[in-house]
Each structure stands twice: as C-alpha cells, then as structure tokens.
Amino acid sequence: MIDTQTIKNMARLARLEINTEAVDGLSKQLSEIMAYAAIIRELDLKDIEPTSHAVTVQNVFRDDHVINADTASEALPGAPDHEGRFFKVPKVL
C-alpha cells in the first residue's frame, strides 16, 4: 500500500493541496491502481500491436469536395458594412 508520506510528497511535487482526510482515500485508490498495473505488466503483450483506442475507430466525416464559389459576393450583401470584397468591422483595440 502506498503510504501517506508518499501521497503528501506527490501532492507537494504536483503542487496540489490535499486535506488530511483525502490522503487515506487516495492512498487506497492509488494502491489499487498500482496493483492493477502490476497485473497488466505480467501479461505477454509482445505480439499485441499498440493502439490508442480499445475499439476500432472509423472516420465518420464525409470526403471534402472542392467547389468553385464566389461566397464573398453572396455574403457581403447581407453584411452591415463592407469595403470592397471584405467585411468591415469595428476596431477591437
């Protein structure tokens, strides 16, 4: 089990403020996480390809299609103000 001094030291290094009541709970939780990591470390994973997801992820976006459009001439008539082919907006600074 991870002792309370180790928890306090890790909190100090991470610049976290942890109250004394939470230290005991964190000690138990981190010990369980480390025990689970030890189980995984014992597995033979040499033939398993590393992945970033537990399940196969598929891109659901559509393909991009290039179209020729003069969007400025379509959008500018609805703008409150414009100058040439550009929107004119108030200065921010």
PDB file of N, CA and C in Angstrom:
ATOM      1  N   MET A   1       0.853  -1.184   0.000  1.00  0.00           N
ATOM      2  CA  MET A   1       0.000   0.000   0.000  1.00  0.00           C
ATOM      3  C   MET A   1       0.894   1.241   0.000  1.00  0.00           C
ATOM      4  N   ILE A   2       0.474   2.235  -0.741  1.00  0.00           N
ATOM      5  CA  ILE A   2       1.227   3.493  -0.806  1.00  0.00           C
ATOM      6  C   ILE A   2       0.987   4.258   0.492  1.00  0.00           C
ATOM      7  N   ASP A   3       2.056   4.627   1.170  1.00  0.00           N
ATOM      8  CA  ASP A   3       1.895   5.273   2.477  1.00  0.00           C
ATOM      9  C   ASP A   3       1.526   6.744   2.337  1.00  0.00           C
ATOM     10  N   THR A   4       1.052   7.305   3.439  1.00  0.00           N
ATOM     11  CA  THR A   4       0.568   8.684   3.421  1.00  0.00           C
ATOM     12  C   THR A   4       1.678   9.682   3.145  1.00  0.00           C
ATOM     13  N   GLN A   5       2.884   9.385   3.566  1.00  0.00           N
ATOM     14  CA  GLN A   5       4.004  10.302   3.300  1.00  0.00           C
ATOM     15  C   GLN A   5       4.277  10.394   1.802  1.00  0.00           C
ATOM     16  N   THR A   6       4.165   9.261   1.095  1.00  0.00           N
ATOM     17  CA  THR A   6       4.357   9.269  -0.362  1.00  0.00           C
ATOM     18  C   THR A   6       3.267  10.098  -1.032  1.00  0.00           C
ATOM     19  N   ILE A   7       2.025   9.955  -0.566  1.00  0.00           N
ATOM     20  CA  ILE A   7       0.916  10.748  -1.119  1.00  0.00           C
ATOM     21  C   ILE A   7       1.176  12.233  -0.893  1.00  0.00           C
ATOM     22  N   LYS A   8       1.571  12.598   0.295  1.00  0.00           N
ATOM     23  CA  LYS A   8       1.841  14.003   0.598  1.00  0.00           C
ATOM     24  C   LYS A   8       2.992  14.541  -0.247  1.00  0.00           C
ATOM     25  N   ASN A   9       4.022  13.729  -0.452  1.00  0.00           N
ATOM     26  CA  ASN A   9       5.162  14.145  -1.265  1.00  0.00           C
ATOM     27  C   ASN A   9       4.736  14.327  -2.726  1.00  0.00           C
ATOM     28  N   MET A  10       3.944  13.385  -3.245  1.00  0.00           N
ATOM     29  CA  MET A  10       3.459  13.510  -4.634  1.00  0.00           C
ATOM     30  C   MET A  10       2.591  14.758  -4.786  1.00  0.00           C
ATOM     31  N   ALA A  11       1.749  15.038  -3.802  1.00  0.00           N
ATOM     32  CA  ALA A  11       0.905  16.234  -3.849  1.00  0.00           C
ATOM     33  C   ALA A  11       1.763  17.496  -3.842  1.00  0.00           C
ATOM     34  N   ARG A  12       2.804  17.488  -3.030  1.00  0.00           N
ATOM     35  CA  ARG A  12       3.699  18.659  -2.981  1.00  0.00           C
ATOM     36  C   ARG A  12       4.381  18.868  -4.330  1.00  0.00           C
ATOM     37  N   LEU A  13       4.872  17.768  -4.927  1.00  0.00           N
ATOM     38  CA  LEU A  13       5.554  17.870  -6.219  1.00  0.00           C
ATOM     39  C   LEU A  13       4.604  18.339  -7.321  1.00  0.00           C
ATOM     40  N   ALA A  14       3.341  17.906  -7.229  1.00  0.00           N
ATOM     41  CA  ALA A  14       2.342  18.309  -8.224  1.00  0.00           C
ATOM     42  C   ALA A  14       1.701  19.650  -7.878  1.00  0.00           C
ATOM     43  N   ARG A  15       2.126  20.201  -6.755  1.00  0.00           N
ATOM     44  CA  ARG A  15       1.595  21.487  -6.268  1.00  0.00           C
ATOM     45  C   ARG A  15       0.086  21.421  -6.067  1.00  0.00           C
ATOM     46  N   LEU A  16      -0.342  20.307  -5.447  1.00  0.00           N
ATOM     47  CA  LEU A  16      -1.750  20.105  -5.118  1.00  0.00           C
ATOM     48  C   LEU A  16      -1.934  20.245  -3.621  1.00  0.00           C
ATOM     49  N   GLU A  17      -3.027  20.849  -3.237  1.00  0.00           N
ATOM     50  CA  GLU A  17      -3.352  20.949  -1.819  1.00  0.00           C
ATOM     51  C   GLU A  17      -4.350  19.850  -1.497  1.00  0.00           C
ATOM     52  N   ILE A  18      -3.951  18.913  -0.655  1.00  0.00           N
ATOM     53  CA  ILE A  18      -4.808  17.785  -0.296  1.00  0.00           C
ATOM     54  C   ILE A  18      -5.005  17.806   1.209  1.00  0.00           C
ATOM     55  N   ASN A  19      -6.287  17.762   1.624  1.00  0.00           N
ATOM     56  CA  ASN A  19      -6.534  17.754   3.066  1.00  0.00           C
ATOM     57  C   ASN A  19      -6.231  16.371   3.641  1.00  0.00           C
ATOM     58  N   THR A  20      -6.055  16.303   4.931  1.00  0.00           N
ATOM     59  CA  THR A  20      -5.621  15.062   5.578  1.00  0.00           C
ATOM     60  C   THR A  20      -6.656  13.952   5.461  1.00  0.00           C
ATOM     61  N   GLU A  21      -7.943  14.292   5.366  1.00  0.00           N
ATOM     62  CA  GLU A  21      -8.976  13.268   5.213  1.00  0.00           C
ATOM     63  C   GLU A  21      -8.863  12.572   3.859  1.00  0.00           C
ATOM     64  N   ALA A  22      -8.459  13.298   2.838  1.00  0.00           N
ATOM     65  CA  ALA A  22      -8.379  12.735   1.489  1.00  0.00           C
ATOM     66  C   ALA A  22      -7.149  11.852   1.310  1.00  0.00           C
ATOM     67  N   VAL A  23      -6.125  12.039   2.123  1.00  0.00           N
ATOM     68  CA  VAL A  23      -4.875  11.293   1.955  1.00  0.00           C
ATOM     69  C   VAL A  23      -5.101   9.787   2.102  1.00  0.00           C
ATOM     70  N   ASP A  24      -5.878   9.377   3.098  1.00  0.00           N
ATOM     71  CA  ASP A  24      -6.129   7.948   3.296  1.00  0.00           C
ATOM     72  C   ASP A  24      -6.874   7.347   2.113  1.00  0.00           C
ATOM     73  N   GLY A  25      -7.875   8.060   1.613  1.00  0.00           N
ATOM     74  CA  GLY A  25      -8.622   7.569   0.453  1.00  0.00           C
ATOM     75  C   GLY A  25      -7.755   7.479  -0.786  1.00  0.00           C
ATOM     76  N   LEU A  26      -6.918   8.486  -0.989  1.00  0.00           N
ATOM     77  CA  LEU A  26      -6.013   8.470  -2.141  1.00  0.00           C
ATOM     78  C   LEU A  26      -4.989   7.355  -2.029  1.00  0.00           C
ATOM     79  N   SER A  27      -4.542   7.089  -0.820  1.00  0.00           N
ATOM     80  CA  SER A  27      -3.586   6.015  -0.610  1.00  0.00           C
ATOM     81  C   SER A  27      -4.186   4.681  -1.047  1.00  0.00           C
ATOM     82  N   LYS A  28      -5.423   4.436  -0.688  1.00  0.00           N
ATOM     83  CA  LYS A  28      -6.099   3.188  -1.058  1.00  0.00           C
ATOM     84  C   LYS A  28      -6.315   3.124  -2.571  1.00  0.00           C
ATOM     85  N   GLN A  29      -6.808   4.225  -3.156  1.00  0.00           N
ATOM     86  CA  GLN A  29      -7.090   4.241  -4.585  1.00  0.00           C
ATOM     87  C   GLN A  29      -5.824   4.056  -5.419  1.00  0.00           C
ATOM     88  N   LEU A  30      -4.771   4.770  -5.073  1.00  0.00           N
ATOM     89  CA  LEU A  30      -3.522   4.650  -5.830  1.00  0.00           C
ATOM     90  C   LEU A  30      -2.902   3.263  -5.668  1.00  0.00           C
ATOM     91  N   SER A  31      -3.059   2.659  -4.508  1.00  0.00           N
ATOM     92  CA  SER A  31      -2.558   1.302  -4.311  1.00  0.00           C
ATOM     93  C   SER A  31      -3.301   0.320  -5.210  1.00  0.00           C
ATOM     94  N   GLU A  32      -4.618   0.499  -5.351  1.00  0.00           N
ATOM     95  CA  GLU A  32      -5.408  -0.359  -6.239  1.00  0.00           C
ATOM     96  C   GLU A  32      -4.988  -0.175  -7.696  1.00  0.00           C
ATOM     97  N   ILE A  33      -4.733   1.061  -8.091  1.00  0.00           N
ATOM     98  CA  ILE A  33      -4.292   1.343  -9.468  1.00  0.00           C
ATOM     99  C   ILE A  33      -2.942   0.695  -9.731  1.00  0.00           C
ATOM    100  N   MET A  34      -2.026   0.806  -8.783  1.00  0.00           N
ATOM    101  CA  MET A  34      -0.702   0.213  -8.952  1.00  0.00           C
ATOM    102  C   MET A  34      -0.780  -1.316  -8.993  1.00  0.00           C
ATOM    103  N   ALA A  35      -1.683  -1.907  -8.212  1.00  0.00           N
ATOM    104  CA  ALA A  35      -1.866  -3.362  -8.232  1.00  0.00           C
ATOM    105  C   ALA A  35      -2.392  -3.801  -9.597  1.00  0.00           C
ATOM    106  N   TYR A  36      -3.315  -3.035 -10.157  1.00  0.00           N
ATOM    107  CA  TYR A  36      -3.845  -3.363 -11.479  1.00  0.00           C
ATOM    108  C   TYR A  36      -2.752  -3.228 -12.541  1.00  0.00           C
ATOM    109  N   ALA A  37      -1.928  -2.198 -12.432  1.00  0.00           N
ATOM    110  CA  ALA A  37      -0.823  -2.025 -13.386  1.00  0.00           C
ATOM    111  C   ALA A  37       0.160  -3.189 -13.291  1.00  0.00           C
ATOM    112  N   ALA A  38       0.365  -3.714 -12.088  1.00  0.00           N
ATOM    113  CA  ALA A  38       1.269  -4.860 -11.920  1.00  0.00           C
ATOM    114  C   ALA A  38       0.713  -6.093 -12.613  1.00  0.00           C
ATOM    115  N   ILE A  39      -0.606  -6.271 -12.563  1.00  0.00           N
ATOM    116  CA  ILE A  39      -1.239  -7.399 -13.260  1.00  0.00           C
ATOM    117  C   ILE A  39      -1.026  -7.263 -14.765  1.00  0.00           C
ATOM    118  N   ILE A  40      -1.234  -6.083 -15.292  1.00  0.00           N
ATOM    119  CA  ILE A  40      -1.064  -5.853 -16.732  1.00  0.00           C
ATOM    120  C   ILE A  40       0.394  -6.047 -17.130  1.00  0.00           C
ATOM    121  N   ARG A  41       1.323  -5.627 -16.271  1.00  0.00           N
ATOM    122  CA  ARG A  41       2.743  -5.763 -16.554  1.00  0.00           C
ATOM    123  C   ARG A  41       3.154  -7.237 -16.714  1.00  0.00           C
ATOM    124  N   GLU A  42       2.443  -8.146 -16.064  1.00  0.00           N
ATOM    125  CA  GLU A  42       2.758  -9.574 -16.133  1.00  0.00           C
ATOM    126  C   GLU A  42       2.286 -10.226 -17.435  1.00  0.00           C
ATOM    127  N   LEU A  43       1.399  -9.574 -18.177  1.00  0.00           N
ATOM    128  CA  LEU A  43       0.852 -10.159 -19.402  1.00  0.00           C
ATOM    129  C   LEU A  43       1.906 -10.195 -20.508  1.00  0.00           C
ATOM    130  N   ASP A  44       1.793 -11.197 -21.374  1.00  0.00           N
ATOM    131  CA  ASP A  44       2.676 -11.312 -22.538  1.00  0.00           C
ATOM    132  C   ASP A  44       2.035 -10.521 -23.683  1.00  0.00           C
ATOM    133  N   LEU A  45       2.543  -9.342 -23.932  1.00  0.00           N
ATOM    134  CA  LEU A  45       1.954  -8.444 -24.922  1.00  0.00           C
ATOM    135  C   LEU A  45       2.851  -8.218 -26.129  1.00  0.00           C
ATOM    136  N   LYS A  46       3.862  -9.067 -26.319  1.00  0.00           N
ATOM    137  CA  LYS A  46       4.828  -8.814 -27.380  1.00  0.00           C
ATOM    138  C   LYS A  46       4.209  -8.888 -28.777  1.00  0.00           C
ATOM    139  N   ASP A  47       3.140  -9.662 -28.968  1.00  0.00           N
ATOM    140  CA  ASP A  47       2.505  -9.776 -30.282  1.00  0.00           C
ATOM    141  C   ASP A  47       1.280  -8.877 -30.423  1.00  0.00           C
ATOM    142  N   ILE A  48       1.022  -8.040 -29.448  1.00  0.00           N
ATOM    143  CA  ILE A  48      -0.134  -7.141 -29.470  1.00  0.00           C
ATOM    144  C   ILE A  48       0.325  -5.776 -29.967  1.00  0.00           C
ATOM    145  N   GLU A  49      -0.330  -5.307 -31.005  1.00  0.00           N
ATOM    146  CA  GLU A  49       0.019  -4.001 -31.569  1.00  0.00           C
ATOM    147  C   GLU A  49      -0.521  -2.892 -30.672  1.00  0.00           C
ATOM    148  N   PRO A  50       0.289  -1.896 -30.347  1.00  0.00           N
ATOM    149  CA  PRO A  50      -0.199  -0.782 -29.523  1.00  0.00           C
ATOM    150  C   PRO A  50      -1.328  -0.031 -30.235  1.00  0.00           C
ATOM    151  N   THR A  51      -2.309   0.399 -29.471  1.00  0.00           N
ATOM    152  CA  THR A  51      -3.439   1.147 -30.029  1.00  0.00           C
ATOM    153  C   THR A  51      -3.712   2.373 -29.167  1.00  0.00           C
ATOM    154  N   SER A  52      -4.450   3.287 -29.733  1.00  0.00           N
ATOM    155  CA  SER A  52      -4.849   4.462 -28.964  1.00  0.00           C
ATOM    156  C   SER A  52      -6.297   4.357 -28.508  1.00  0.00           C
ATOM    157  N   HIS A  53      -7.023   3.356 -29.019  1.00  0.00           N
ATOM    158  CA  HIS A  53      -8.417   3.136 -28.642  1.00  0.00           C
ATOM    159  C   HIS A  53      -8.634   1.646 -28.359  1.00  0.00           C
ATOM    160  N   ALA A  54      -9.567   1.359 -27.479  1.00  0.00           N
ATOM    161  CA  ALA A  54      -9.864  -0.032 -27.158  1.00  0.00           C
ATOM    162  C   ALA A  54     -10.634  -0.716 -28.282  1.00  0.00           C
ATOM    163  N   VAL A  55     -11.359   0.064 -29.064  1.00  0.00           N
ATOM    164  CA  VAL A  55     -12.121  -0.482 -30.185  1.00  0.00           C
ATOM    165  C   VAL A  55     -11.689   0.228 -31.459  1.00  0.00           C
ATOM    166  N   THR A  56     -11.971  -0.371 -32.595  1.00  0.00           N
ATOM    167  CA  THR A  56     -11.616   0.234 -33.865  1.00  0.00           C
ATOM    168  C   THR A  56     -12.412   1.520 -34.066  1.00  0.00           C
ATOM    169  N   VAL A  57     -11.725   2.574 -34.422  1.00  0.00           N
ATOM    170  CA  VAL A  57     -12.358   3.865 -34.645  1.00  0.00           C
ATOM    171  C   VAL A  57     -12.372   4.129 -36.137  1.00  0.00           C
ATOM    172  N   GLN A  58     -13.520   4.559 -36.619  1.00  0.00           N
ATOM    173  CA  GLN A  58     -13.670   4.823 -38.048  1.00  0.00           C
ATOM    174  C   GLN A  58     -14.031   6.289 -38.244  1.00  0.00           C
ATOM    175  N   ASN A  59     -13.412   6.918 -39.219  1.00  0.00           N
ATOM    176  CA  ASN A  59     -13.710   8.302 -39.532  1.00  0.00           C
ATOM    177  C   ASN A  59     -15.119   8.381 -40.110  1.00  0.00           C
ATOM    178  N   VAL A  60     -15.976   9.180 -39.491  1.00  0.00           N
ATOM    179  CA  VAL A  60     -17.358   9.287 -39.945  1.00  0.00           C
ATOM    180  C   VAL A  60     -17.603  10.562 -40.748  1.00  0.00           C
ATOM    181  N   PHE A  61     -16.555  11.307 -41.016  1.00  0.00           N
ATOM    182  CA  PHE A  61     -16.710  12.533 -41.780  1.00  0.00           C
ATOM    183  C   PHE A  61     -16.781  12.222 -43.267  1.00  0.00           C
ATOM    184  N   ARG A  62     -17.470  13.074 -43.970  1.00  0.00           N
ATOM    185  CA  ARG A  62     -17.581  12.901 -45.417  1.00  0.00           C
ATOM    186  C   ARG A  62     -16.293  13.367 -46.090  1.00  0.00           C
ATOM    187  N   ASP A  63     -16.076  12.951 -47.316  1.00  0.00           N
ATOM    188  CA  ASP A  63     -14.929  13.437 -48.087  1.00  0.00           C
ATOM    189  C   ASP A  63     -15.160  14.894 -48.465  1.00  0.00           C
ATOM    190  N   ASP A  64     -14.074  15.650 -48.516  1.00  0.00           N
ATOM    191  CA  ASP A  64     -14.161  17.043 -48.944  1.00  0.00           C
ATOM    192  C   ASP A  64     -14.255  17.094 -50.456  1.00  0.00           C
ATOM    193  N   HIS A  65     -15.126  17.960 -50.947  1.00  0.00           N
ATOM    194  CA  HIS A  65     -15.266  18.161 -52.388  1.00  0.00           C
ATOM    195  C   HIS A  65     -15.045  19.642 -52.668  1.00  0.00           C
ATOM    196  N   VAL A  66     -14.089  19.931 -53.520  1.00  0.00           N
ATOM    197  CA  VAL A  66     -13.773  21.310 -53.861  1.00  0.00           C
ATOM    198  C   VAL A  66     -14.807  21.810 -54.853  1.00  0.00           C
ATOM    199  N   ILE A  67     -15.388  22.977 -54.550  1.00  0.00           N
ATOM    200  CA  ILE A  67     -16.334  23.599 -55.476  1.00  0.00           C
ATOM    201  C   ILE A  67     -15.889  25.037 -55.690  1.00  0.00           C
ATOM    202  N   ASN A  68     -16.161  25.545 -56.841  1.00  0.00           N
ATOM    203  CA  ASN A  68     -15.861  26.945 -57.131  1.00  0.00           C
ATOM    204  C   ASN A  68     -17.073  27.770 -56.737  1.00  0.00           C
ATOM    205  N   ALA A  69     -16.876  28.672 -55.808  1.00  0.00           N
ATOM    206  CA  ALA A  69     -17.978  29.510 -55.357  1.00  0.00           C
ATOM    207  C   ALA A  69     -17.440  30.887 -55.033  1.00  0.00           C
ATOM    208  N   ASP A  70     -18.207  31.881 -55.367  1.00  0.00           N
ATOM    209  CA  ASP A  70     -17.849  33.246 -55.039  1.00  0.00           C
ATOM    210  C   ASP A  70     -18.649  33.636 -53.800  1.00  0.00           C
ATOM    211  N   THR A  71     -18.232  33.110 -52.659  1.00  0.00           N
ATOM    212  CA  THR A  71     -19.007  33.311 -51.439  1.00  0.00           C
ATOM    213  C   THR A  71     -18.988  34.759 -50.963  1.00  0.00           C
ATOM    214  N   ALA A  72     -17.956  35.508 -51.290  1.00  0.00           N
ATOM    215  CA  ALA A  72     -17.904  36.902 -50.856  1.00  0.00           C
ATOM    216  C   ALA A  72     -19.047  37.694 -51.484  1.00  0.00           C
ATOM    217  N   SER A  73     -19.277  37.511 -52.753  1.00  0.00           N
ATOM    218  CA  SER A  73     -20.351  38.271 -53.404  1.00  0.00           C
ATOM    219  C   SER A  73     -21.718  37.814 -52.926  1.00  0.00           C
ATOM    220  N   GLU A  74     -21.815  36.569 -52.419  1.00  0.00           N
ATOM    221  CA  GLU A  74     -23.086  36.091 -51.882  1.00  0.00           C
ATOM    222  C   GLU A  74     -23.301  36.566 -50.450  1.00  0.00           C
ATOM    223  N   ALA A  75     -22.219  36.670 -49.655  1.00  0.00           N
ATOM    224  CA  ALA A  75     -22.339  37.004 -48.241  1.00  0.00           C
ATOM    225  C   ALA A  75     -22.328  38.504 -47.979  1.00  0.00           C
ATOM    226  N   LEU A  76     -21.583  39.275 -48.773  1.00  0.00           N
ATOM    227  CA  LEU A  76     -21.423  40.701 -48.490  1.00  0.00           C
ATOM    228  C   LEU A  76     -22.727  41.497 -48.537  1.00  0.00           C
ATOM    229  N   PRO A  77     -23.678  41.202 -49.410  1.00  0.00           N
ATOM    230  CA  PRO A  77     -24.918  41.989 -49.381  1.00  0.00           C
ATOM    231  C   PRO A  77     -25.664  41.898 -48.049  1.00  0.00           C
ATOM    232  N   GLY A  78     -25.501  40.836 -47.294  1.00  0.00           N
ATOM    233  CA  GLY A  78     -26.159  40.707 -46.002  1.00  0.00           C
ATOM    234  C   GLY A  78     -25.373  41.294 -44.853  1.00  0.00           C
ATOM    235  N   ALA A  79     -24.161  41.769 -45.109  1.00  0.00           N
ATOM    236  CA  ALA A  79     -23.318  42.318 -44.040  1.00  0.00           C
ATOM    237  C   ALA A  79     -23.724  43.745 -43.726  1.00  0.00           C
ATOM    238  N   PRO A  80     -23.582  44.152 -42.458  1.00  0.00           N
ATOM    239  CA  PRO A  80     -23.924  45.532 -42.111  1.00  0.00           C
ATOM    240  C   PRO A  80     -23.034  46.555 -42.806  1.00  0.00           C
ATOM    241  N   ASP A  81     -21.766  46.203 -43.029  1.00  0.00           N
ATOM    242  CA  ASP A  81     -20.848  47.130 -43.684  1.00  0.00           C
ATOM    243  C   ASP A  81     -19.743  46.320 -44.353  1.00  0.00           C
ATOM    244  N   HIS A  82     -19.303  46.781 -45.505  1.00  0.00           N
ATOM    245  CA  HIS A  82     -18.189  46.114 -46.176  1.00  0.00           C
ATOM    246  C   HIS A  82     -17.421  47.139 -46.987  1.00  0.00           C
ATOM    247  N   GLU A  83     -16.190  46.766 -47.295  1.00  0.00           N
ATOM    248  CA  GLU A  83     -15.324  47.620 -48.092  1.00  0.00           C
ATOM    249  C   GLU A  83     -14.708  46.750 -49.167  1.00  0.00           C
ATOM    250  N   GLY A  84     -15.096  46.963 -50.400  1.00  0.00           N
ATOM    251  CA  GLY A  84     -14.640  46.109 -51.485  1.00  0.00           C
ATOM    252  C   GLY A  84     -15.173  44.700 -51.277  1.00  0.00           C
ATOM    253  N   ARG A  85     -14.266  43.716 -51.271  1.00  0.00           N
ATOM    254  CA  ARG A  85     -14.682  42.325 -51.084  1.00  0.00           C
ATOM    255  C   ARG A  85     -14.465  41.850 -49.648  1.00  0.00           C
ATOM    256  N   PHE A  86     -14.373  42.782 -48.688  1.00  0.00           N
ATOM    257  CA  PHE A  86     -14.082  42.427 -47.304  1.00  0.00           C
ATOM    258  C   PHE A  86     -15.168  42.938 -46.369  1.00  0.00           C
ATOM    259  N   PHE A  87     -15.420  42.180 -45.301  1.00  0.00           N
ATOM    260  CA  PHE A  87     -16.319  42.632 -44.260  1.00  0.00           C
ATOM    261  C   PHE A  87     -15.641  43.750 -43.489  1.00  0.00           C
ATOM    262  N   LYS A  88     -16.381  44.773 -43.136  1.00  0.00           N
ATOM    263  CA  LYS A  88     -15.830  45.876 -42.357  1.00  0.00           C
ATOM    264  C   LYS A  88     -16.436  45.786 -40.967  1.00  0.00           C
ATOM    265  N   VAL A  89     -15.552  45.683 -39.962  1.00  0.00           N
ATOM    266  CA  VAL A  89     -15.980  45.536 -38.575  1.00  0.00           C
ATOM    267  C   VAL A  89     -15.339  46.605 -37.731  1.00  0.00           C
ATOM    268  N   PRO A  90     -15.935  46.900 -36.564  1.00  0.00           N
ATOM    269  CA  PRO A  90     -15.335  47.908 -35.684  1.00  0.00           C
ATOM    270  C   PRO A  90     -13.998  47.425 -35.141  1.00  0.00           C
ATOM    271  N   LYS A  91     -13.113  48.367 -34.847  1.00  0.00           N
ATOM    272  CA  LYS A  91     -11.821  48.019 -34.252  1.00  0.00           C
ATOM    273  C   LYS A  91     -12.031  47.458 -32.861  1.00  0.00           C
ATOM    274  N   VAL A  92     -11.229  46.477 -32.507  1.00  0.00           N
ATOM    275  CA  VAL A  92     -11.337  45.851 -31.198  1.00  0.00           C
ATOM    276  C   VAL A  92     -10.414  46.516 -30.196  1.00  0.00           C
ATOM    277  N   LEU A  93      -9.247  46.906 -30.630  1.00  0.00           N
ATOM    278  CA  LEU A  93      -8.278  47.519 -29.711  1.00  0.00           C
ATOM    279  C   LEU A  93      -8.392  49.014 -29.704  1.00  0.00           C
TER     280      LEU A  93
END
